[in-house]
Amino acid sequence: MQNITLGEINKFIVHYIGNKNNGDGVRFSDIHTDFDKIEEHIKQLANNSFKFDELYHFFFVPNLDLNPVYQFVSSIFKNKESFIEQSQNTGRYLYDKSTHPQIKSGELCVIYFNDCKVNDEIVDCIGIFKSENKDTVLKVNKRENGFELTDENGISTNKLDKGCLIFNAGKESGFLISVVDNTNRSSEAQYWKDEFLGIQPIKNDYHQTNEFLSIAKQFVTKQLDEEFKISKADKIDYLNRSVDYFKSHGSFDKQEFEELVFEDKGLIESFRTFDQAYRQENEIELYDNFDISTQAVKKQARVFKNVLKLDKNFHIYIHGNADLITQGIDENGRKYYKIFYEEEN
């Protein structure tokens, strides 16, 4: 995880970007937006939204210079006087990419930060924030004999819908970028990262850990049923073993992982075939040995389900040791699970 601290806001501008498919249009500012009274709120919004766990960089095949947003921010870093012009270019390009029906119109804020700290390096940063969902606040107005409340809609200072922070570091490799996308999670609407920004994860320990845990989860939840007769309890046990391996080891060794988690030779061969096919299909480059990122493990552990749901009556939480739970069918054809334990709390 990078040690990143934002500096002071130097420039700020707001544009309106609609949905092109709906004919919403755009509205561009030609002057800087005054930020004196809101600087701390903007910095609070950024600090609340960006975690700096997984980092990205611009890319474009075959030439990075063909990535439009990379060109826009490069021009600003090179000449800050082009800030307004290049922010408008950014807005036009975002509008061209805003064609999916699920994409909402909203305000596009482009921000220039001075003197940000990335580990021990001092660099400038460009923030591109899009607000799609508004918060309602109650404004208190004084009246002669009391007060009156009116509701107003505005941009939330607690959570960012979409945004990125682009640090002026590693330009030749596509800059250092942190990204937020809290809306439009369906695959067909992933336009912010892919269509607009054109970025891909930096292949660091976080990325390696995150991707391999995803592969293990996909294998257990989607592939095992096609090749083996296996109970849901056993599938949950394999998921638990996968997470436990990453929690208890500082570094990853693929062969060791396979032997400790799956044990059975047939399962291991099936996993290797699935792993290879998954990497090729999704164009993922992974190593067989890498240092494990604890931040990535925490993130993935939250989506590894360990609950066995039985009709609408029972939920069994399985945290390990699948030998203590067995499945069967009684003489009347009713399915059951038998659970062994030592202590009752």
Protein backbone atom coordinates (compact mmCIF):
# COMPACT_ATOMS: atom_id res chain seq x y z
CA MET A 1 0.00 0.00 0.00
CA GLN A 2 1.33 3.40 -1.00
CA ASN A 3 1.72 6.18 1.57
CA ILE A 4 -0.13 9.03 -0.16
CA THR A 5 -1.15 12.45 1.19
CA LEU A 6 -2.98 15.12 -0.78
CA GLY A 7 -1.63 18.66 -0.87
CA GLU A 8 -3.42 21.99 -1.31
CA ILE A 9 -5.94 22.78 -4.05
CA ASN A 10 -4.48 25.15 -6.65
CA LYS A 11 -7.17 25.13 -9.36
CA PHE A 12 -10.80 24.02 -9.46
CA ILE A 13 -13.45 23.97 -12.19
CA VAL A 14 -16.94 22.47 -12.59
CA HIS A 15 -18.65 21.34 -15.82
CA TYR A 16 -21.99 19.61 -16.44
CA ILE A 17 -21.89 16.33 -18.41
CA GLY A 18 -25.10 14.65 -19.55
CA ASN A 19 -25.93 11.31 -21.12
CA LYS A 20 -25.19 11.54 -24.84
CA ASN A 21 -27.63 8.76 -25.72
CA ASN A 22 -30.43 10.80 -24.09
CA GLY A 23 -29.32 14.04 -25.74
CA ASP A 24 -28.68 15.74 -22.37
CA GLY A 25 -25.85 17.86 -23.70
CA VAL A 26 -23.02 19.51 -21.78
CA ARG A 27 -22.32 22.86 -20.15
CA PHE A 28 -18.73 24.00 -19.78
CA SER A 29 -17.29 26.64 -17.47
CA ASP A 30 -14.93 29.15 -19.06
CA ILE A 31 -13.55 30.41 -15.74
CA HIS A 32 -12.12 28.81 -12.62
CA THR A 33 -14.55 27.94 -9.84
CA ASP A 34 -13.96 29.71 -6.51
CA PHE A 35 -13.03 27.06 -3.95
CA ASP A 36 -11.94 29.17 -0.95
CA LYS A 37 -14.95 28.23 1.17
CA ILE A 38 -15.12 24.58 0.14
CA GLU A 39 -11.48 23.45 -0.02
CA GLU A 40 -11.63 21.48 3.23
CA HIS A 41 -14.88 19.79 2.12
CA ILE A 42 -13.32 18.74 -1.20
CA LYS A 43 -10.25 17.36 0.55
CA GLN A 44 -12.51 15.55 3.03
CA LEU A 45 -14.45 14.03 0.11
CA ALA A 46 -11.20 12.81 -1.47
CA ASN A 47 -9.82 11.41 1.78
CA ASN A 48 -13.12 9.62 2.51
CA SER A 49 -13.35 8.11 -0.98
CA PHE A 50 -9.84 6.99 -1.96
CA LYS A 51 -8.13 4.13 -0.10
CA PHE A 52 -4.97 3.80 -2.27
CA ASP A 53 -5.02 -0.01 -2.02
CA GLU A 54 -5.19 -0.93 -5.69
CA LEU A 55 -3.44 1.50 -8.04
CA TYR A 56 -3.74 1.86 -11.81
CA HIS A 57 -2.00 3.45 -14.77
CA PHE A 58 -3.11 4.64 -18.22
CA PHE A 59 -2.53 2.28 -21.10
CA PHE A 60 -3.28 2.05 -24.79
CA VAL A 61 -2.21 -0.51 -27.34
CA PRO A 62 0.01 0.00 -29.22
CA ASN A 63 0.89 3.54 -28.08
CA LEU A 64 0.19 5.15 -24.71
CA ASP A 65 0.12 8.59 -26.35
CA LEU A 66 -3.13 7.56 -28.10
CA ASN A 67 -4.98 7.50 -24.75
CA PRO A 68 -6.95 10.80 -24.75
CA VAL A 69 -7.17 11.36 -20.96
CA TYR A 70 -3.45 10.63 -20.66
CA GLN A 71 -2.86 13.37 -23.21
CA PHE A 72 -5.16 15.86 -21.43
CA VAL A 73 -3.53 15.46 -18.00
CA SER A 74 -0.03 15.39 -19.51
CA SER A 75 -0.73 18.78 -21.06
CA ILE A 76 -1.92 20.20 -17.74
CA PHE A 77 1.12 18.89 -15.86
CA LYS A 78 3.34 20.39 -18.56
CA ASN A 79 1.53 23.75 -18.64
CA LYS A 80 -0.92 24.63 -15.86
CA GLU A 81 -2.24 27.53 -17.96
CA SER A 82 -3.98 24.93 -20.15
CA PHE A 83 -6.06 23.71 -17.17
CA ILE A 84 -9.41 25.16 -18.33
CA GLU A 85 -8.98 24.08 -21.95
CA GLN A 86 -7.89 20.54 -21.08
CA SER A 87 -10.63 20.15 -18.44
CA GLN A 88 -13.16 21.00 -21.17
CA ASN A 89 -11.53 18.46 -23.49
CA THR A 90 -11.84 15.91 -20.70
CA GLY A 91 -15.55 16.74 -20.36
CA ARG A 92 -16.15 16.42 -24.11
CA TYR A 93 -14.46 13.04 -24.19
CA LEU A 94 -16.45 11.84 -21.16
CA TYR A 95 -19.68 12.93 -22.88
CA ASP A 96 -18.73 10.91 -25.98
CA LYS A 97 -18.35 7.84 -23.75
CA SER A 98 -21.60 8.46 -21.80
CA THR A 99 -23.94 6.49 -24.05
CA HIS A 100 -25.09 3.61 -21.87
CA PRO A 101 -28.69 4.04 -20.56
CA GLN A 102 -27.56 3.50 -16.95
CA ILE A 103 -25.09 6.40 -17.01
CA LYS A 104 -26.46 9.41 -15.14
CA SER A 105 -25.80 13.04 -15.89
CA GLY A 106 -23.93 15.08 -13.29
CA GLU A 107 -21.28 17.62 -12.42
CA LEU A 108 -17.68 16.97 -13.45
CA CYS A 109 -15.14 18.58 -11.11
CA VAL A 110 -11.54 18.84 -12.26
CA ILE A 111 -9.08 19.77 -9.50
CA TYR A 112 -5.37 20.54 -9.44
CA PHE A 113 -3.55 19.67 -6.20
CA ASN A 114 -0.11 21.07 -5.39
CA ASP A 115 2.59 19.31 -3.39
CA CYS A 116 1.07 15.88 -2.79
CA LYS A 117 3.22 13.26 -1.10
CA VAL A 118 3.66 9.80 -2.63
CA ASN A 119 5.90 7.87 -0.26
CA ASP A 120 8.94 10.19 -0.10
CA GLU A 121 8.27 12.02 -3.38
CA ILE A 122 6.50 15.41 -3.67
CA VAL A 123 4.34 15.58 -6.82
CA ASP A 124 1.30 17.42 -8.16
CA CYS A 125 -2.01 15.66 -8.75
CA ILE A 126 -5.10 16.09 -10.93
CA GLY A 127 -8.45 14.95 -9.58
CA ILE A 128 -11.37 14.15 -11.89
CA PHE A 129 -14.59 13.73 -9.88
CA LYS A 130 -18.09 13.08 -11.23
CA SER A 131 -21.16 13.54 -9.02
CA GLU A 132 -24.21 11.56 -10.19
CA ASN A 133 -26.31 11.18 -7.03
CA LYS A 134 -27.32 14.18 -4.93
CA ASP A 135 -27.78 14.41 -1.18
CA THR A 136 -30.66 16.30 0.40
CA VAL A 137 -29.88 18.75 3.20
CA LEU A 138 -32.25 20.85 5.31
CA LYS A 139 -31.40 24.54 5.30
CA VAL A 140 -32.49 26.58 8.32
CA ASN A 141 -33.78 30.06 7.44
CA LYS A 142 -34.46 32.75 10.02
CA ARG A 143 -37.95 34.26 10.16
CA GLU A 144 -39.35 37.09 12.26
CA ASN A 145 -40.92 34.79 14.83
CA GLY A 146 -38.82 31.65 14.40
CA PHE A 147 -37.19 29.49 11.75
CA GLU A 148 -38.14 27.79 8.50
CA LEU A 149 -36.69 24.62 6.99
CA THR A 150 -36.20 24.18 3.25
CA ASP A 151 -34.69 21.21 1.43
CA GLU A 152 -31.80 21.58 -1.02
CA ASN A 153 -30.05 19.01 -3.19
CA GLY A 154 -26.30 19.09 -3.64
CA ILE A 155 -23.07 17.14 -4.05
CA SER A 156 -22.25 14.87 -1.12
CA THR A 157 -19.02 15.57 0.74
CA ASN A 158 -19.01 12.09 2.28
CA LYS A 159 -18.89 9.72 -0.68
CA LEU A 160 -17.78 10.12 -4.28
CA ASP A 161 -19.74 8.44 -7.07
CA LYS A 162 -16.90 8.31 -9.60
CA GLY A 163 -13.45 9.77 -9.50
CA CYS A 164 -9.74 9.39 -9.99
CA LEU A 165 -6.58 10.98 -8.63
CA ILE A 166 -3.77 11.12 -11.19
CA PHE A 167 -0.35 11.75 -9.65
CA ASN A 168 2.49 13.20 -11.70
CA ALA A 169 4.69 10.18 -11.09
CA GLY A 170 5.81 7.49 -13.53
CA LYS A 171 4.56 9.31 -16.64
CA GLU A 172 6.41 6.92 -18.98
CA SER A 173 4.46 4.01 -17.48
CA GLY A 174 1.09 5.82 -17.55
CA PHE A 175 1.18 7.83 -14.30
CA LEU A 176 0.07 6.61 -10.85
CA ILE A 177 -3.73 6.56 -10.52
CA SER A 178 -6.21 5.81 -7.75
CA VAL A 179 -9.83 5.19 -8.81
CA VAL A 180 -13.30 5.20 -7.26
CA ASP A 181 -16.43 3.86 -8.99
CA ASN A 182 -19.37 3.33 -6.64
CA THR A 183 -22.14 3.22 -9.27
CA ASN A 184 -22.96 1.36 -12.48
CA ARG A 185 -21.24 -1.86 -11.40
CA SER A 186 -22.73 -4.04 -14.17
CA SER A 187 -20.18 -5.15 -16.74
CA GLU A 188 -21.86 -3.33 -19.63
CA ALA A 189 -21.72 -0.04 -17.70
CA GLN A 190 -18.06 -0.14 -16.64
CA TYR A 191 -17.32 2.87 -18.78
CA TRP A 192 -15.46 4.97 -16.21
CA LYS A 193 -12.36 2.77 -15.95
CA ASP A 194 -12.39 1.13 -19.37
CA GLU A 195 -14.03 3.41 -21.93
CA PHE A 196 -13.25 6.82 -20.44
CA LEU A 197 -10.00 6.55 -18.49
CA GLY A 198 -8.49 3.55 -20.28
CA ILE A 199 -6.57 2.21 -17.27
CA GLN A 200 -5.40 -1.11 -15.95
CA PRO A 201 -4.15 -2.22 -12.52
CA ILE A 202 -0.48 -1.94 -11.70
CA LYS A 203 0.82 -5.48 -11.35
CA ASN A 204 1.89 -5.16 -7.71
CA ASP A 205 1.35 -7.49 -4.72
CA TYR A 206 -2.18 -6.17 -4.18
CA HIS A 207 -3.17 -6.95 -7.77
CA GLN A 208 -1.57 -10.41 -7.69
CA THR A 209 -3.27 -11.35 -4.40
CA ASN A 210 -6.64 -9.97 -5.45
CA GLU A 211 -6.66 -11.72 -8.82
CA PHE A 212 -5.54 -15.12 -7.55
CA LEU A 213 -8.17 -15.15 -4.80
CA SER A 214 -10.76 -14.30 -7.46
CA ILE A 215 -9.61 -17.26 -9.56
CA ALA A 216 -9.81 -19.61 -6.57
CA LYS A 217 -13.33 -18.39 -5.78
CA GLN A 218 -14.50 -18.79 -9.40
CA PHE A 219 -13.09 -22.33 -9.52
CA VAL A 220 -14.81 -23.44 -6.31
CA THR A 221 -18.16 -21.77 -6.93
CA LYS A 222 -18.51 -22.29 -10.71
CA GLN A 223 -16.25 -25.11 -11.90
CA LEU A 224 -16.27 -27.81 -9.20
CA ASP A 225 -19.91 -28.81 -9.80
CA GLU A 226 -19.21 -29.50 -13.47
CA GLU A 227 -16.49 -32.08 -12.76
CA PHE A 228 -17.05 -33.43 -9.26
CA LYS A 229 -19.90 -34.49 -7.02
CA ILE A 230 -19.31 -32.18 -4.07
CA SER A 231 -21.50 -30.83 -1.28
CA LYS A 232 -22.01 -27.13 -0.58
CA ALA A 233 -20.38 -27.65 2.81
CA ASP A 234 -17.22 -28.93 1.12
CA LYS A 235 -17.24 -25.99 -1.30
CA ILE A 236 -17.41 -23.58 1.63
CA ASP A 237 -14.53 -25.48 3.23
CA TYR A 238 -12.38 -24.97 0.11
CA LEU A 239 -13.22 -21.26 0.14
CA ASN A 240 -12.24 -21.05 3.81
CA ARG A 241 -8.99 -22.90 3.15
CA SER A 242 -8.15 -20.51 0.31
CA VAL A 243 -8.60 -17.43 2.49
CA ASP A 244 -6.85 -19.06 5.46
CA TYR A 245 -3.80 -19.78 3.31
CA PHE A 246 -3.47 -16.13 2.36
CA LYS A 247 -4.11 -14.98 5.93
CA SER A 248 -1.47 -17.29 7.42
CA HIS A 249 1.30 -16.82 4.84
CA GLY A 250 3.44 -13.82 4.07
CA SER A 251 4.30 -14.98 0.57
CA PHE A 252 2.43 -17.04 -2.02
CA ASP A 253 3.63 -20.24 -3.62
CA LYS A 254 1.19 -21.68 -6.16
CA GLN A 255 2.19 -25.33 -5.77
CA GLU A 256 2.06 -25.08 -1.98
CA PHE A 257 -1.36 -23.39 -2.18
CA GLU A 258 -2.77 -26.14 -4.40
CA GLU A 259 -1.51 -28.95 -2.16
CA LEU A 260 -2.66 -27.38 1.11
CA VAL A 261 -6.07 -26.22 -0.12
CA PHE A 262 -7.23 -28.92 -2.56
CA GLU A 263 -5.07 -31.91 -1.48
CA ASP A 264 -6.65 -34.33 -3.99
CA LYS A 265 -4.58 -34.85 -7.16
CA GLY A 266 -7.65 -34.74 -9.40
CA LEU A 267 -8.81 -31.46 -7.87
CA ILE A 268 -5.35 -29.96 -8.26
CA GLU A 269 -5.16 -30.88 -11.95
CA SER A 270 -8.65 -29.48 -12.52
CA PHE A 271 -7.69 -26.22 -10.78
CA ARG A 272 -4.53 -25.87 -12.87
CA THR A 273 -6.50 -26.30 -16.09
CA PHE A 274 -9.13 -23.78 -14.96
CA ASP A 275 -6.48 -21.33 -13.78
CA GLN A 276 -4.66 -21.39 -17.10
CA ALA A 277 -7.86 -20.98 -19.12
CA TYR A 278 -9.11 -18.15 -16.87
CA ARG A 279 -5.86 -16.20 -17.26
CA GLN A 280 -5.91 -16.53 -21.04
CA GLU A 281 -9.58 -15.65 -21.39
CA ASN A 282 -9.31 -12.57 -19.15
CA GLU A 283 -5.81 -11.61 -20.33
CA ILE A 284 -4.43 -11.68 -16.78
CA GLU A 285 -0.71 -11.95 -16.13
CA LEU A 286 0.02 -13.54 -12.73
CA TYR A 287 3.12 -14.93 -11.09
CA ASP A 288 3.37 -18.27 -9.29
CA ASN A 289 5.25 -16.61 -6.41
CA PHE A 290 4.62 -13.17 -4.88
CA ASP A 291 4.34 -11.37 -1.54
CA ILE A 292 0.79 -11.43 -0.17
CA SER A 293 -1.07 -8.13 0.31
CA THR A 294 -3.03 -8.11 3.57
CA GLN A 295 -5.27 -5.31 2.22
CA ALA A 296 -6.31 -7.46 -0.75
CA VAL A 297 -6.98 -10.45 1.52
CA LYS A 298 -9.25 -8.35 3.75
CA LYS A 299 -11.17 -7.10 0.72
CA GLN A 300 -11.65 -10.56 -0.80
CA ALA A 301 -12.47 -12.27 2.50
CA ARG A 302 -15.61 -10.13 2.73
CA VAL A 303 -17.05 -11.67 -0.45
CA PHE A 304 -16.11 -15.30 0.27
CA LYS A 305 -19.38 -16.74 1.51
CA ASN A 306 -19.21 -19.23 4.38
CA VAL A 307 -22.97 -19.59 5.00
CA LEU A 308 -24.88 -22.78 4.21
CA LYS A 309 -28.57 -21.89 3.72
CA LEU A 310 -31.12 -24.67 4.31
CA ASP A 311 -34.61 -23.86 3.03
CA LYS A 312 -35.85 -20.80 4.95
CA ASN A 313 -35.30 -22.32 8.38
CA PHE A 314 -31.55 -22.52 9.05
CA HIS A 315 -28.27 -20.82 8.25
CA ILE A 316 -25.10 -22.74 9.13
CA TYR A 317 -21.90 -20.70 9.32
CA ILE A 318 -18.89 -22.85 8.43
CA HIS A 319 -15.51 -21.41 9.41
CA GLY A 320 -13.34 -24.51 9.03
CA ASN A 321 -12.85 -28.24 9.69
CA ALA A 322 -15.38 -29.77 7.28
CA ASP A 323 -14.84 -33.18 8.95
CA LEU A 324 -17.21 -32.01 11.72
CA ILE A 325 -20.21 -31.76 9.40
CA THR A 326 -21.68 -34.65 7.41
CA GLN A 327 -24.60 -34.88 5.01
CA GLY A 328 -27.15 -37.66 4.63
CA ILE A 329 -30.72 -38.75 3.84
CA ASP A 330 -32.96 -40.53 6.37
CA GLU A 331 -35.35 -43.44 5.73
CA ASN A 332 -38.15 -41.00 4.87
CA GLY A 333 -36.09 -39.26 2.20
CA ARG A 334 -35.44 -36.14 4.24
CA LYS A 335 -32.03 -34.51 3.78
CA TYR A 336 -30.01 -33.67 6.87
CA TYR A 337 -26.65 -32.37 8.11
CA LYS A 338 -25.03 -33.85 11.22
CA ILE A 339 -22.78 -31.41 13.12
CA PHE A 340 -20.21 -32.41 15.75
CA TYR A 341 -18.94 -29.95 18.36
CA GLU A 342 -17.27 -29.80 21.77
CA GLU A 343 -18.59 -26.59 23.33
CA GLU A 344 -21.86 -24.68 23.15
CA ASN A 345 -21.86 -20.89 23.62
